[in-house]
Amino acid sequence: MVKAKTGAAETAAPAAPAPSAPAAPAPSKKDAPRTMRDLRLAAETRRRVSTAKQLDNPLREGLRLERVPDANVFVLFGATGDLAHRKVVPALYQLWRTHLLPHEFVIVAVGRRAYTDEAIRAELRASLDQFSRVQPVDEEAWAELAERIVYHRGDFNDPALYSSLGERLDDMDAQRGTRGNRLYYLATQASAFAEIISQLGRAGLDHERHDGGWRRVIIEKPFGRDLDSAVRLNREVGKVFRERQVYRIDHYLGKETVRNLLVFRFGNGIFEPIWNRRHIDHVQITVAESIGIEARGAFYEETGASRDFLQNHLLQLLSLVGMEPPATFGADALRDEKVKVLRAITPFTPDQARSEVVRGQYGPGWVSGKPVAAYRDEPNVDPVSETETFIAARFTIDNWRWSGVPFYLRMGKRLPKRATEIAIQFKEVPHQLFRDSAADPEPNLLAMRIQPDEGIMLRFGAKVPGLGIDVRNVTMDFTYGSAFQTDSPDAYETLILDALLGDASLFTRADEVEQAWSIVDPVINAWADEPAPAFPSYEAGTWGPEAADDLLAREGRRWRRI
């Protein structure tokens, strides 16, 4: 509805002449016959005004409406690839379907293949049947969006691509009213990031206009493969774009429960006073996946669980749990506090990297009642691969709030189920009054489920009705679906919309990326100096190698059963 109303001012009719007006004046330029383009624009304006009148609803008066971004061109590099089809375009479709994109919006799909506009539209439409979170696809909404998708072919290393792209974007501004606003999305292989950004700079496509036209770039993960490469990439990006123009995406930060963690901590007075070492025994963060590497053997051989998850997803979640309250809810204030947490993590020595970090690789087994192959038997994987598909680590944060509180992080492929959870384990009460009850209650636990059933669970002790004192564990369970009767947006929908609005709160900053790599690098380097590990070290369908259980057991703790 917001976008429908934007055209109302353009349709104001000229004032009618006074009754006593003299004969009509000589024709002016305004009265000259209009071109077909003018007629189409006028028809579109009338349609928008008509739609606005139909959609006006007095019951919505005074309600908050979501912000709609400025008119813009969304330039999608790697538009023919898996990420574009699986995540980016389905997210854009949902934003368009729910009226969260401006009317003056164009997607320029950039790729190497010899496609036409019609061919790329057909291929993207087919991908929606498989990857859109809302089915069936709204054909009317898709038809409107498809009209705004054009294809631009070229090689990412060829300067001619960027020259022709610049000309085409200027034409879009003139023809589609996109006002010089451009968001570049790099949905390509990580090896192409630096070249694309450098070429954008050489062609002047990073320059923001004096009349307000903005330029922004979203860079996918992995951002580097170690600290040195991340620093180099940050340097290359900084030569072209200012930091405020750069949006390094980590889709975990767009998940509803992750965003709600900030509200949960800082919007409720009962939790923040006990969010510290005096009341919390330890924290567990688990990312479990039942799937394997899904035909991405070549990619995973270069990354492994440490680069694919530990450096970004897991450390991002840790920083959100451990951060201090920011002064404001602005992007820089939030990210300042997250960086402080990462800087306070005690770095691993080589000996600690071996004793406090566990890696594993899945062998053959059964998942969901079906036999699955070992990692080394997956396509494009080295038969004697040393790449880890599981990692568990014990971290400590050396500051006043968290000193002495261990943070246990784990991630694994081919585990029994798909689940992501943050578990805050509170300390036992100082004096056990009810130790003689039928069932001694366990310490209080707060668990935030990030996926698949997003919600929050609090465990506490309560008396069982009846004679005597019988104390049992009970839970209060909040789920988004039942509480709000609405489905949560996909993380990519949230993050793409934020980038179009210029809100970088949920994106990582250059110093944040480098600090995370400085934590993970010593671990990877320590492994490189060790003999080949005894892989595979856990059976598919189990919760990882026994050494991961020992990591907690030696301190009298155990992993929470999810």
Protein backbone atom coordinates (compact mmCIF):
# COMPACT_ATOMS: atom_id res chain seq x y z
CA MET A 1 0.00 0.00 0.00
CA VAL A 2 2.82 2.36 0.72
CA LYS A 3 4.19 2.11 -2.76
CA ALA A 4 0.76 2.50 -4.32
CA LYS A 5 0.32 5.87 -2.63
CA THR A 6 3.60 7.28 -3.81
CA GLY A 7 2.22 8.08 -7.22
CA ALA A 8 -0.75 10.10 -6.00
CA ALA A 9 1.04 13.46 -6.05
CA GLU A 10 2.03 12.93 -9.66
CA THR A 11 -1.59 12.79 -10.85
CA ALA A 12 -2.86 16.10 -9.51
CA ALA A 13 -4.99 17.61 -12.25
CA PRO A 14 -4.42 21.24 -13.34
CA ALA A 15 -6.93 23.75 -11.97
CA ALA A 16 -10.00 24.29 -14.16
CA PRO A 17 -10.14 27.70 -15.94
CA ALA A 18 -12.44 30.34 -14.45
CA PRO A 19 -15.83 30.68 -16.15
CA SER A 20 -14.94 34.15 -17.42
CA ALA A 21 -11.64 33.03 -18.93
CA PRO A 22 -10.97 34.31 -22.44
CA ALA A 23 -10.57 32.05 -25.43
CA ALA A 24 -8.08 29.24 -25.07
CA PRO A 25 -4.46 30.35 -25.43
CA ALA A 26 -2.26 29.20 -28.26
CA PRO A 27 -1.04 25.59 -27.91
CA SER A 28 2.12 25.23 -25.87
CA LYS A 29 4.70 22.45 -25.57
CA LYS A 30 2.57 20.85 -22.87
CA ASP A 31 -0.28 20.36 -25.30
CA ALA A 32 1.87 18.65 -27.94
CA PRO A 33 0.97 15.03 -28.73
CA ARG A 34 2.49 12.70 -26.15
CA THR A 35 4.82 9.81 -26.94
CA MET A 36 3.91 6.18 -26.32
CA ARG A 37 6.22 6.25 -23.29
CA ASP A 38 4.27 9.20 -21.85
CA LEU A 39 1.00 7.38 -22.42
CA ARG A 40 2.31 4.24 -20.70
CA LEU A 41 3.54 6.29 -17.72
CA ALA A 42 0.18 8.03 -17.45
CA ALA A 43 -1.67 4.70 -17.57
CA GLU A 44 0.60 3.26 -14.89
CA THR A 45 0.04 6.32 -12.70
CA ARG A 46 -3.75 5.99 -13.04
CA ARG A 47 -3.49 2.30 -12.12
CA ARG A 48 -1.44 3.08 -9.02
CA VAL A 49 -3.84 5.78 -7.86
CA SER A 50 -6.79 3.44 -8.45
CA THR A 51 -5.05 0.70 -6.46
CA ALA A 52 -4.32 3.13 -3.65
CA LYS A 53 -8.00 4.08 -3.44
CA GLN A 54 -9.02 0.42 -3.35
CA LEU A 55 -6.49 -0.47 -0.64
CA ASP A 56 -7.09 2.48 1.67
CA ASN A 57 -8.34 1.04 4.97
CA PRO A 58 -9.44 3.36 7.79
CA LEU A 59 -8.85 0.56 10.33
CA ARG A 60 -5.11 0.81 9.62
CA GLU A 61 -5.03 4.50 10.51
CA GLY A 62 -2.34 5.07 13.11
CA LEU A 63 -0.76 1.61 12.73
CA ARG A 64 2.96 1.39 12.08
CA LEU A 65 3.81 0.40 8.51
CA GLU A 66 7.10 -1.21 7.53
CA ARG A 67 9.55 1.06 5.81
CA VAL A 68 9.93 0.61 2.08
CA PRO A 69 13.40 1.19 0.58
CA ASP A 70 14.22 3.91 -1.92
CA ALA A 71 13.86 3.19 -5.62
CA ASN A 72 16.91 1.16 -6.63
CA VAL A 73 18.58 -1.32 -8.97
CA PHE A 74 19.57 -4.66 -7.43
CA VAL A 75 22.64 -5.90 -9.33
CA LEU A 76 23.00 -9.64 -8.74
CA PHE A 77 26.42 -11.03 -9.67
CA GLY A 78 26.34 -14.81 -10.05
CA ALA A 79 22.64 -14.81 -10.93
CA THR A 80 22.84 -18.23 -12.59
CA GLY A 81 24.40 -19.88 -9.53
CA ASP A 82 22.98 -21.99 -6.71
CA LEU A 83 22.90 -19.25 -4.05
CA ALA A 84 20.93 -16.86 -6.26
CA HIS A 85 18.34 -19.54 -7.08
CA ARG A 86 18.13 -21.07 -3.62
CA LYS A 87 18.18 -17.97 -1.39
CA VAL A 88 18.51 -14.53 -2.97
CA VAL A 89 15.76 -14.51 -5.61
CA PRO A 90 13.21 -16.36 -3.40
CA ALA A 91 13.88 -13.70 -0.73
CA LEU A 92 13.36 -10.88 -3.25
CA TYR A 93 10.15 -12.53 -4.44
CA GLN A 94 8.80 -12.67 -0.88
CA LEU A 95 9.69 -9.03 -0.27
CA TRP A 96 7.90 -8.06 -3.48
CA ARG A 97 4.88 -10.24 -2.69
CA THR A 98 4.49 -8.59 0.71
CA HIS A 99 4.85 -5.05 -0.72
CA LEU A 100 8.20 -4.34 0.97
CA LEU A 101 10.02 -3.32 -2.21
CA PRO A 102 9.54 -0.02 -4.04
CA HIS A 103 7.60 0.17 -7.30
CA GLU A 104 10.71 1.57 -9.01
CA PHE A 105 12.77 -1.58 -8.55
CA VAL A 106 14.86 -3.52 -11.08
CA ILE A 107 16.97 -6.68 -10.80
CA VAL A 108 19.93 -6.80 -13.16
CA ALA A 109 21.06 -10.45 -13.23
CA VAL A 110 24.75 -10.66 -14.17
CA GLY A 111 26.30 -13.93 -15.30
CA ARG A 112 28.61 -15.59 -17.81
CA ARG A 113 26.07 -17.80 -19.58
CA ALA A 114 24.39 -16.87 -22.86
CA TYR A 115 20.92 -16.16 -21.49
CA THR A 116 18.12 -13.89 -22.62
CA ASP A 117 15.83 -11.98 -20.29
CA GLU A 118 13.12 -14.57 -20.90
CA ALA A 119 15.47 -17.48 -20.20
CA ILE A 120 16.70 -16.17 -16.84
CA ARG A 121 13.15 -15.32 -15.80
CA ALA A 122 11.98 -18.85 -16.64
CA GLU A 123 14.86 -20.44 -14.74
CA LEU A 124 14.30 -18.27 -11.67
CA ARG A 125 10.57 -18.98 -11.77
CA ALA A 126 11.27 -22.71 -11.74
CA SER A 127 13.52 -22.29 -8.70
CA LEU A 128 10.67 -20.69 -6.74
CA ASP A 129 8.68 -23.93 -6.93
CA GLN A 130 11.49 -25.62 -5.08
CA PHE A 131 12.85 -22.95 -2.74
CA SER A 132 10.11 -20.38 -2.02
CA ARG A 133 9.01 -20.70 1.61
CA VAL A 134 5.39 -19.85 0.70
CA GLN A 135 3.66 -22.18 -1.74
CA PRO A 136 2.05 -22.06 -4.19
CA VAL A 137 3.81 -19.19 -5.93
CA ASP A 138 1.64 -16.11 -6.43
CA GLU A 139 1.68 -15.89 -10.22
CA GLU A 140 0.46 -12.30 -10.32
CA ALA A 141 3.16 -11.14 -7.90
CA TRP A 142 5.81 -13.09 -9.81
CA ALA A 143 4.69 -11.64 -13.13
CA GLU A 144 5.12 -8.11 -11.75
CA LEU A 145 8.58 -8.94 -10.40
CA ALA A 146 9.62 -10.81 -13.56
CA GLU A 147 8.98 -7.68 -15.63
CA ARG A 148 11.68 -6.03 -13.55
CA ILE A 149 14.34 -8.73 -14.15
CA VAL A 150 16.83 -8.21 -16.97
CA TYR A 151 19.94 -10.20 -17.84
CA HIS A 152 23.41 -8.78 -18.45
CA ARG A 153 26.07 -11.15 -19.73
CA GLY A 154 29.80 -10.84 -19.23
CA ASP A 155 32.96 -12.25 -17.70
CA PHE A 156 33.72 -10.95 -14.20
CA ASN A 157 37.37 -10.39 -15.20
CA ASP A 158 36.51 -8.35 -18.32
CA PRO A 159 36.50 -4.54 -17.91
CA ALA A 160 34.06 -4.33 -20.84
CA LEU A 161 31.40 -5.97 -18.66
CA TYR A 162 31.50 -3.12 -16.18
CA SER A 163 31.54 -0.39 -18.82
CA SER A 164 28.44 -1.81 -20.49
CA LEU A 165 26.87 -2.45 -17.09
CA GLY A 166 27.38 1.18 -16.09
CA GLU A 167 25.67 2.37 -19.27
CA ARG A 168 22.77 0.02 -18.70
CA LEU A 169 22.34 1.15 -15.11
CA ASP A 170 22.24 4.77 -16.24
CA ASP A 171 19.52 3.81 -18.72
CA MET A 172 17.59 2.16 -15.87
CA ASP A 173 17.75 5.38 -13.88
CA ALA A 174 16.33 7.31 -16.81
CA GLN A 175 13.71 4.79 -17.90
CA ARG A 176 12.66 3.16 -14.63
CA GLY A 177 13.13 6.03 -12.17
CA THR A 178 15.63 4.20 -9.95
CA ARG A 179 17.35 7.50 -9.01
CA GLY A 180 20.93 6.23 -9.10
CA ASN A 181 20.53 3.92 -6.09
CA ARG A 182 22.34 0.61 -6.58
CA LEU A 183 22.93 -2.44 -4.44
CA TYR A 184 25.55 -4.90 -5.72
CA TYR A 185 25.11 -8.44 -4.41
CA LEU A 186 28.11 -10.77 -4.81
CA ALA A 187 26.53 -14.26 -4.95
CA THR A 188 29.64 -15.68 -6.62
CA GLN A 189 32.51 -17.87 -5.54
CA ALA A 190 34.61 -16.18 -2.89
CA SER A 191 37.61 -16.15 -5.24
CA ALA A 192 35.78 -13.62 -7.45
CA PHE A 193 35.00 -11.06 -4.72
CA ALA A 194 38.19 -8.99 -4.96
CA GLU A 195 38.14 -8.89 -8.77
CA ILE A 196 34.50 -7.79 -9.00
CA ILE A 197 34.97 -5.06 -6.43
CA SER A 198 38.16 -3.84 -8.09
CA GLN A 199 36.44 -3.70 -11.49
CA LEU A 200 33.46 -1.82 -10.01
CA GLY A 201 35.93 0.75 -8.71
CA ARG A 202 37.76 1.09 -12.05
CA ALA A 203 34.45 1.70 -13.81
CA GLY A 204 33.38 4.28 -11.24
CA LEU A 205 30.32 2.26 -10.28
CA ASP A 206 31.03 2.81 -6.59
CA HIS A 207 30.69 6.61 -6.77
CA GLU A 208 27.70 8.00 -4.91
CA ARG A 209 25.90 10.90 -6.51
CA HIS A 210 25.65 14.37 -5.01
CA ASP A 211 21.87 14.30 -5.42
CA GLY A 212 21.53 11.32 -3.07
CA GLY A 213 22.06 8.23 -5.22
CA TRP A 214 23.64 5.59 -2.96
CA ARG A 215 25.89 2.61 -3.72
CA ARG A 216 26.11 -0.46 -1.46
CA VAL A 217 27.64 -3.92 -1.77
CA ILE A 218 26.67 -7.19 -0.05
CA ILE A 219 29.53 -9.67 0.23
CA GLU A 220 28.74 -13.30 0.99
CA LYS A 221 30.76 -15.57 3.23
CA PRO A 222 33.36 -16.93 3.48
CA PHE A 223 35.12 -13.59 3.85
CA GLY A 224 38.67 -14.86 3.48
CA ARG A 225 39.98 -18.30 4.38
CA ASP A 226 42.34 -17.12 7.16
CA LEU A 227 43.39 -13.89 8.85
CA ASP A 228 45.87 -12.85 6.15
CA SER A 229 43.40 -13.33 3.29
CA ALA A 230 40.64 -11.54 5.23
CA VAL A 231 42.93 -8.56 5.85
CA ARG A 232 43.86 -8.46 2.15
CA LEU A 233 40.22 -8.65 1.08
CA ASN A 234 39.25 -5.91 3.52
CA ARG A 235 42.05 -3.79 2.08
CA GLU A 236 40.82 -4.37 -1.48
CA VAL A 237 37.25 -3.56 -0.51
CA GLY A 238 38.39 -0.44 1.33
CA LYS A 239 40.12 0.89 -1.79
CA VAL A 240 36.76 1.07 -3.54
CA PHE A 241 33.96 1.32 -0.99
CA ARG A 242 33.68 3.13 2.33
CA GLU A 243 32.94 0.87 5.30
CA ARG A 244 29.41 2.28 5.59
CA GLN A 245 28.73 1.02 2.04
CA VAL A 246 29.84 -2.56 2.78
CA TYR A 247 27.48 -5.26 4.08
CA ARG A 248 29.22 -8.56 4.95
CA ILE A 249 26.39 -11.04 5.28
CA ASP A 250 26.08 -13.86 7.80
CA HIS A 251 22.59 -15.27 7.36
CA TYR A 252 22.45 -16.59 10.95
CA LEU A 253 22.19 -13.01 12.17
CA GLY A 254 18.95 -12.59 10.23
CA LYS A 255 17.16 -15.47 11.96
CA GLU A 256 14.23 -14.39 14.10
CA THR A 257 15.43 -15.88 17.39
CA VAL A 258 18.91 -14.41 16.98
CA ARG A 259 17.39 -10.96 16.52
CA ASN A 260 15.04 -11.59 19.42
CA LEU A 261 18.02 -12.41 21.64
CA LEU A 262 18.81 -8.68 21.81
CA VAL A 263 15.22 -7.86 22.77
CA PHE A 264 15.14 -10.73 25.25
CA ARG A 265 18.29 -9.55 26.99
CA PHE A 266 17.96 -5.80 26.88
CA GLY A 267 14.18 -5.35 26.78
CA ASN A 268 13.38 -7.39 29.92
CA GLY A 269 14.47 -6.35 33.38
CA ILE A 270 14.48 -9.86 34.90
CA PHE A 271 17.28 -11.42 32.86
CA GLU A 272 20.06 -8.85 32.47
CA PRO A 273 20.86 -8.70 36.24
CA ILE A 274 21.60 -12.46 36.26
CA TRP A 275 23.37 -12.58 32.87
CA ASN A 276 26.86 -12.96 34.36
CA ARG A 277 29.42 -15.24 36.02
CA ARG A 278 27.71 -15.05 39.43
CA HIS A 279 24.61 -16.87 38.19
CA ILE A 280 25.58 -18.70 34.97
CA ASP A 281 27.60 -21.92 35.14
CA HIS A 282 28.30 -22.28 31.41
CA VAL A 283 26.89 -21.65 27.93
CA GLN A 284 26.39 -24.18 25.11
CA ILE A 285 25.88 -23.21 21.47
CA THR A 286 25.02 -26.05 19.09
CA VAL A 287 24.55 -26.07 15.32
CA ALA A 288 23.54 -29.59 14.28
CA GLU A 289 22.84 -30.61 10.69
CA SER A 290 21.49 -33.96 9.60
CA ILE A 291 22.52 -33.34 5.98
CA GLY A 292 25.95 -34.00 4.53
CA ILE A 293 27.78 -31.67 2.17
CA GLU A 294 25.09 -31.83 -0.56
CA ALA A 295 27.30 -32.12 -3.68
CA ARG A 296 29.57 -29.33 -2.44
CA GLY A 297 32.59 -31.54 -1.98
CA ALA A 298 35.04 -29.19 -3.71
CA PHE A 299 33.86 -26.26 -1.58
CA TYR A 300 33.95 -28.17 1.69
CA GLU A 301 37.39 -29.56 1.02
CA GLU A 302 38.65 -25.94 1.06
CA THR A 303 36.71 -24.83 4.11
CA GLY A 304 35.72 -27.50 6.61
CA ALA A 305 33.63 -26.87 9.71
CA SER A 306 36.16 -24.45 11.23
CA ARG A 307 36.02 -22.00 8.32
CA ASP A 308 32.42 -22.70 7.32
CA PHE A 309 30.84 -22.34 10.78
CA LEU A 310 33.20 -21.64 13.66
CA GLN A 311 34.75 -18.43 12.31
CA ASN A 312 31.39 -16.85 11.51
CA HIS A 313 28.11 -18.40 12.72
CA LEU A 314 29.27 -19.79 16.06
CA LEU A 315 31.44 -16.84 17.07
CA GLN A 316 28.68 -14.43 16.01
CA LEU A 317 26.22 -16.19 18.32
CA LEU A 318 28.78 -16.19 21.12
CA SER A 319 29.31 -12.45 20.76
CA LEU A 320 25.56 -11.75 20.92
CA VAL A 321 25.23 -13.80 24.11
CA GLY A 322 28.28 -12.22 25.70
CA MET A 323 28.06 -8.56 24.64
CA GLU A 324 27.43 -5.65 26.98
CA PRO A 325 24.31 -3.48 26.54
CA PRO A 326 25.02 -1.01 23.69
CA ALA A 327 24.51 2.69 24.23
CA THR A 328 22.01 2.81 21.35
CA PHE A 329 20.43 0.35 18.95
CA GLY A 330 22.47 1.78 16.09
CA ALA A 331 24.64 -0.40 13.88
CA ASP A 332 28.01 0.85 15.09
CA ALA A 333 27.05 0.73 18.77
CA LEU A 334 25.92 -2.88 18.44
CA ARG A 335 28.98 -3.95 16.49
CA ASP A 336 31.35 -2.14 18.87
CA GLU A 337 30.11 -4.31 21.74
CA LYS A 338 30.36 -7.51 19.69
CA VAL A 339 33.97 -6.75 18.77
CA LYS A 340 34.79 -6.17 22.46
CA VAL A 341 33.60 -9.70 23.24
CA LEU A 342 35.74 -11.22 20.47
CA ARG A 343 38.77 -9.28 21.68
CA ALA A 344 38.21 -10.59 25.22
CA ILE A 345 38.27 -14.26 24.14
CA THR A 346 41.41 -15.87 25.50
CA PRO A 347 43.55 -16.88 22.47
CA PHE A 348 44.56 -20.51 22.10
CA THR A 349 48.13 -21.60 22.48
CA PRO A 350 49.14 -24.60 20.30
CA ASP A 351 48.70 -26.91 23.29
CA GLN A 352 45.28 -25.47 24.10
CA ALA A 353 44.21 -25.77 20.47
CA ARG A 354 44.89 -29.50 20.73
CA SER A 355 43.28 -29.99 24.16
CA GLU A 356 40.29 -27.63 24.02
CA VAL A 357 39.24 -28.05 20.39
CA VAL A 358 37.93 -31.32 18.98
CA ARG A 359 37.56 -32.06 15.28
CA GLY A 360 35.87 -34.99 13.61
CA GLN A 361 34.76 -36.42 10.28
CA TYR A 362 31.71 -38.60 9.70
CA GLY A 363 31.90 -42.15 8.47
CA PRO A 364 29.09 -44.28 7.04
CA GLY A 365 25.94 -44.63 9.10
CA TRP A 366 22.19 -44.11 9.28
CA VAL A 367 20.30 -40.81 9.39
CA SER A 368 16.50 -40.69 9.62
CA GLY A 369 16.35 -44.41 8.95
CA LYS A 370 18.36 -44.23 5.71
CA PRO A 371 21.94 -45.37 5.08
CA VAL A 372 24.37 -42.56 4.20
CA ALA A 373 27.91 -42.63 2.86
CA ALA A 374 31.05 -41.48 4.64
CA TYR A 375 32.42 -38.02 3.94
CA ARG A 376 35.38 -39.50 2.07
CA ASP A 377 32.97 -41.27 -0.27
CA GLU A 378 31.12 -38.08 -1.21
CA PRO A 379 31.63 -36.70 -4.76
CA ASN A 380 34.68 -34.43 -5.26
CA VAL A 381 36.17 -35.39 -1.89
CA ASP A 382 39.70 -36.73 -1.42
CA PRO A 383 39.53 -40.44 -0.40
CA VAL A 384 42.05 -39.70 2.37
CA SER A 385 40.67 -36.23 3.22
CA GLU A 386 41.61 -34.64 6.54
CA THR A 387 38.83 -32.05 6.33
CA GLU A 388 36.73 -31.80 9.48
CA THR A 389 32.93 -32.04 9.33
CA PHE A 390 32.56 -31.64 13.11
CA ILE A 391 34.12 -29.21 15.53
CA ALA A 392 33.68 -28.61 19.25
CA ALA A 393 35.59 -26.06 21.30
CA ARG A 394 35.77 -24.57 24.78
CA PHE A 395 36.17 -20.78 24.89
CA THR A 396 36.59 -18.37 27.78
CA ILE A 397 35.90 -14.62 27.79
CA ASP A 398 38.36 -12.73 29.93
CA ASN A 399 36.31 -9.83 31.27
CA TRP A 400 34.36 -8.85 34.41
CA ARG A 401 31.05 -10.31 33.26
CA TRP A 402 32.22 -13.73 32.07
CA SER A 403 35.52 -14.55 33.78
CA GLY A 404 35.55 -18.27 34.62
CA VAL A 405 32.43 -19.14 32.59
CA PRO A 406 33.18 -21.61 29.77
CA PHE A 407 31.42 -21.28 26.42
CA TYR A 408 31.12 -24.63 24.64
CA LEU A 409 30.54 -24.42 20.89
CA ARG A 410 29.90 -27.35 18.55
CA MET A 411 28.85 -27.87 14.94
CA GLY A 412 28.54 -31.05 12.93
CA LYS A 413 27.32 -32.57 9.69
CA ARG A 414 25.37 -35.86 9.58
CA LEU A 415 24.18 -35.58 13.18
CA PRO A 416 20.87 -37.19 14.22
CA LYS A 417 18.74 -34.08 13.64
CA ARG A 418 18.76 -30.50 12.41
CA ALA A 419 18.81 -28.07 15.31
CA THR A 420 20.45 -24.82 16.33
CA GLU A 421 20.26 -23.78 19.96
CA ILE A 422 21.81 -21.50 22.57
CA ALA A 423 21.58 -23.01 26.07
CA ILE A 424 22.29 -20.89 29.17
CA GLN A 425 22.98 -23.26 32.07
CA PHE A 426 22.50 -21.52 35.43
CA LYS A 427 24.33 -22.51 38.59
CA GLU A 428 22.83 -24.72 41.23
CA VAL A 429 21.13 -23.04 44.17
CA PRO A 430 23.67 -22.47 46.96
CA HIS A 431 21.78 -24.61 49.48
CA GLN A 432 19.85 -27.74 48.45
CA LEU A 433 16.75 -27.66 50.64
CA PHE A 434 14.99 -30.37 48.64
CA ARG A 435 17.80 -32.86 48.14
CA ASP A 436 15.68 -35.58 49.79
CA SER A 437 12.76 -35.19 47.38
CA ALA A 438 11.83 -38.00 44.99
CA ALA A 439 13.69 -36.28 42.15
CA ASP A 440 16.30 -33.67 42.87
CA PRO A 441 15.62 -30.88 40.32
CA GLU A 442 18.34 -29.96 37.89
CA PRO A 443 19.71 -26.40 37.76
CA ASN A 444 17.68 -23.85 35.85
CA LEU A 445 18.19 -23.74 32.09
CA LEU A 446 17.29 -21.17 29.45
CA ALA A 447 17.34 -22.51 25.87
CA MET A 448 16.83 -20.38 22.77
CA ARG A 449 15.94 -22.46 19.72
CA ILE A 450 17.09 -20.78 16.52
CA GLN A 451 15.90 -23.54 14.20
CA PRO A 452 13.80 -25.37 13.27
CA ASP A 453 11.09 -24.65 15.90
CA GLU A 454 12.04 -21.10 16.79
CA GLY A 455 11.31 -20.26 20.40
CA ILE A 456 12.54 -19.98 23.98
CA MET A 457 12.32 -22.53 26.80
CA LEU A 458 12.88 -21.96 30.53
CA ARG A 459 13.34 -24.93 32.87
CA PHE A 460 12.75 -24.64 36.60
CA GLY A 461 11.74 -26.80 39.58
CA ALA A 462 8.18 -27.11 40.83
CA LYS A 463 6.35 -29.22 43.44
CA VAL A 464 4.27 -32.11 42.17
CA PRO A 465 0.68 -31.89 43.50
CA GLY A 466 0.01 -34.29 46.35
CA LEU A 467 1.19 -35.16 49.82
CA GLY A 468 4.79 -34.63 50.71
CA ILE A 469 7.46 -32.70 48.84
CA ASP A 470 8.21 -34.06 45.40
CA VAL A 471 10.08 -31.55 43.24
CA ARG A 472 10.27 -32.06 39.48
CA ASN A 473 11.58 -30.18 36.48
CA VAL A 474 8.97 -28.32 34.44
CA THR A 475 9.32 -26.05 31.42
CA MET A 476 7.75 -22.89 30.11
CA ASP A 477 7.95 -23.02 26.34
CA PHE A 478 7.38 -20.11 23.97
CA THR A 479 7.24 -20.68 20.22
CA TYR A 480 6.88 -17.99 17.58
CA GLY A 481 4.34 -19.88 15.51
CA SER A 482 1.83 -20.46 18.32
CA ALA A 483 2.36 -17.14 20.11
CA PHE A 484 2.06 -14.78 17.14
CA GLN A 485 0.17 -16.94 14.62
CA THR A 486 2.46 -15.78 11.86
CA ASP A 487 5.37 -17.27 9.98
CA SER A 488 8.82 -15.79 10.40
CA PRO A 489 10.58 -14.28 7.40
CA ASP A 490 13.59 -16.06 5.99
CA ALA A 491 16.92 -14.67 7.17
CA TYR A 492 17.80 -13.53 3.65
CA GLU A 493 14.57 -11.55 3.42
CA THR A 494 15.45 -9.71 6.61
CA LEU A 495 19.05 -9.01 5.67
CA ILE A 496 18.41 -7.95 2.07
CA LEU A 497 15.69 -5.57 3.20
CA ASP A 498 18.00 -4.13 5.88
CA ALA A 499 20.73 -3.55 3.30
CA LEU A 500 18.27 -1.78 0.97
CA LEU A 501 17.21 0.39 3.91
CA GLY A 502 20.83 1.14 4.83
CA ASP A 503 20.68 -0.61 8.22
CA ALA A 504 23.96 -2.47 8.88
CA SER A 505 23.11 -3.65 12.42
CA LEU A 506 23.01 -7.35 11.48
CA PHE A 507 26.05 -7.28 9.19
CA THR A 508 29.65 -7.81 10.23
CA ARG A 509 32.25 -5.05 10.17
CA ALA A 510 35.82 -5.30 8.91
CA ASP A 511 37.43 -5.39 12.36
CA GLU A 512 34.88 -7.96 13.52
CA VAL A 513 35.77 -10.34 10.69
CA GLU A 514 39.49 -9.99 11.31
CA GLN A 515 39.12 -10.50 15.07
CA ALA A 516 37.15 -13.71 14.50
CA TRP A 517 39.85 -15.03 12.17
CA SER A 518 42.52 -14.21 14.76
CA ILE A 519 40.71 -16.61 17.13
CA VAL A 520 40.35 -19.46 14.62
CA ASP A 521 43.75 -19.16 12.90
CA PRO A 522 45.81 -20.62 15.80
CA VAL A 523 43.56 -23.69 15.78
CA ILE A 524 43.94 -24.29 12.05
CA ASN A 525 47.71 -23.73 12.28
CA ALA A 526 48.03 -26.16 15.19
CA TRP A 527 46.23 -28.84 13.19
CA ALA A 528 48.57 -28.30 10.26
CA ASP A 529 51.53 -29.23 12.47
CA GLU A 530 49.93 -32.42 13.77
CA PRO A 531 50.02 -35.94 12.27
CA ALA A 532 47.05 -36.97 10.12
CA PRO A 533 43.96 -37.45 12.32
CA ALA A 534 42.28 -40.83 12.72
CA PHE A 535 39.32 -40.08 10.45
CA PRO A 536 36.50 -40.97 10.24
CA SER A 537 36.00 -40.43 13.95
CA TYR A 538 32.22 -40.64 14.32
CA GLU A 539 29.42 -42.57 12.73
CA ALA A 540 26.83 -40.66 10.70
CA GLY A 541 23.65 -40.35 12.76
CA THR A 542 25.47 -39.94 16.10
CA TRP A 543 26.31 -36.77 18.05
CA GLY A 544 29.96 -36.63 17.06
CA PRO A 545 33.23 -38.11 18.32
CA GLU A 546 33.61 -39.27 21.92
CA ALA A 547 36.31 -36.63 22.44
CA ALA A 548 33.59 -33.95 22.22
CA ASP A 549 31.81 -35.52 25.20
CA ASP A 550 35.10 -35.74 27.08
CA LEU A 551 35.60 -32.00 26.54
CA LEU A 552 32.75 -31.35 28.99
CA ALA A 553 32.95 -34.52 31.09
CA ARG A 554 36.38 -33.67 32.47
CA GLU A 555 34.77 -30.65 34.18
CA GLY A 556 31.71 -32.57 35.36
CA ARG A 557 29.42 -31.31 32.61
CA ARG A 558 27.66 -32.84 29.61
CA TRP A 559 26.14 -31.67 26.36
CA ARG A 560 22.47 -30.88 26.58
CA ARG A 561 20.29 -33.40 24.78
CA ILE A 562 18.49 -31.56 21.98
